[in-house]
Amino acid sequence: MKRPKLKKASKRISCSKRYKIQKKVREHLKKLRKEAKKKGVSKRVKKDPGVPSSAPFKEEVLREAEQRRLQIEEDKEKKRQTVIEERAKRKKKEKSAIKETEPNAKKARKENGKNLQAGPDRNSKQFLCSELNKVIDASDVVIQVLDARDPLGCRCPQLEEAVLQRDGNKKLLLLLNKIDLVPKENVERWIQCLQKEFPVVLFKASTQIQDKTVQAKKSRIVASNEVLDRSRAAACYGSSGLAELLSTYATNTKDEVSLKVGVVGFPNVGKSSLINSMKGILACNSGVKRGITKSMQEVHITKNVKLIDSPGVVASPSNPAASMALRSLQVEEGQETVLEAVRTLLKQCDKSQIMLQYTLPDFRNSLEFLTMFAKRRGYLQKGGVANTEQAAAAFLADWTGAKMSYHCKATECKSLPAYLSDAVVAEMKNGWDLTKLETGNKECLHGVKCPNQASSIGFTTKGPTAGLLSISEVSEVKPHATTTESEAMQNDEPEQTPEEPNKTEGLEKPPATSLIKNPLKVRFPIDIKASVNDAYDFNMDYK
């Protein structure tokens, strides 16, 4: 009986039916044996009686029988060996025929694999510099992406000079990204300062661009109460104005060939996010981690505009420590620890603003700050010990990614750099619709929700960051401090206000007693710069 939803019928039967079948089989076999007995047919093999003992020449007969048996076995073994040899010869011929007729694709693949293994390292500075130079050479317009939180620190004089010195009358644009993390007044001052040298475009990239396949899957399911994503991360401002500006310039200058626009800048300023926001889909890999883009990539935006993504500019080791912590890949390459980068950044900020931003109590050094920050975020190790490395990585990701709001004061440029002149500035502005650019910037700034001046952290900029465009400029030896990391983390003191030194002047220094003279008495060293309430002299002996 075939059961439903099963491919094969069950072999299970009732016991009565099984017994009946067995009985029929026994009767049938019994009938066959009777018939065979009547015919005289027997299945039993008769045993060889051998040579009887009374037979004459018994030993000779047995010897001949043994020789005959050995001869038969020897013939069988010879036949088997000949078959094996013929089979081996046949296989050898087939293999030789396959080798002769086999194409050279496998050899070519092996050679290509060896060549690829022997090729340049994609993470090396030489490869990144060569890819950046390729983007500059292939571009008609170069957009230098700047982080609006520190525009001056994101500018690379060597990059700008290289673009201006290349042939082909290349144009250079400055694009202020992440304007939603900077107060509106600060953005306006930076526009006035930067547009004296190059045209400035405002932009706010979307950090939640999804892949085409994900969008296709979501479009199949249409919810009745569908809500648009209006979050700050998903919103994008300035893409329509930039696309219109580039399309107008392309129609005025290029007739048939599409305009190639190179997007350059330091790591994690938003180059790939800019291209994804312009395209509307995830065309380039982007993320919080720095240095994701390793090579150039062309993306068609419109019919006559093509954007070229590039790896980040390699920062020169001669830059200040704060610039290297934000702009270089030293932490990712292992040349600098995350703890050192956090300690450098904390020195450039006001401690009270850091305390208000992260809702933490007062701290004496960066190690204490990271300990409290780890406990507040829940970054704990086994036994409840604070994981300071994870806390430092999260802190650095906030500052390099599109999360932390900080700003630098706009500095008015009194004179142009050495590689710029009034004629070059006029040439860079020639061909662009500046009125349309200004209206687009106003609309973009009006639509973006910017933070207040009080809720943004003040940051001290270190000026333009020097970059490397050729591997010959890389200095192999970088001077490091002689102190170790743990000593530096414990010894770094927060920046004091002018009133704090006056408080510590009144404190008396503890008596400089030696521990060797009184080995039985335990003395604890104290912090000389402690406050008045915490100045407890542990070296005093109370009886």
Foldseek 3Di string as FASTA:
>chain_A
DQDPPDDDRDPDDDPVVVVVVVVVVVVVVVVVVVVCVVVVDDPDDDDDPQDDPPDPPRVVVVVVVVVVVVVVVVVVVVVVVVVVVVVVVVVVVVVVVCVVPPDCPVVVVVVVVVVVVVDDDLPDQQLQLVQVVVLLQVAQEEEEEAAQQFRQAFDAPVVVLVSVPDPDLHFYEYEHELQQQEDLVQSVLQCVQPLVFFHYFYWYFAPPAAAPVVVVVVVVDDDPPDDDDPDQNHDIARLVLVVVQLVLLQVVPPPQAAHEYEYATFWLSQRQRSVCRLQRHNPDDDDLDTFPDRHWDWDDRDPRYIYIYGTYFAFALVADLQSCLQGHCCCVVVVDPLLVNQQVQLQFFDQVLVCVLQVHDDDWFSVRVLQRQQVVVVQADPPRGRDSRVSSVVVSSCVSHSHARAHEHDDHDPDDDPSDDPVVSVSNPPSTPSVSSVVSRVVRSVPRNHDDPSNHIYGYDPGYTHGDSHPVSHDPDRDDDPDDPVCCRVPDGHDDDPVLVVQLVPDDDDDPDDCVVPVVDDADDDDSSDGPVPPDGRRDDDD
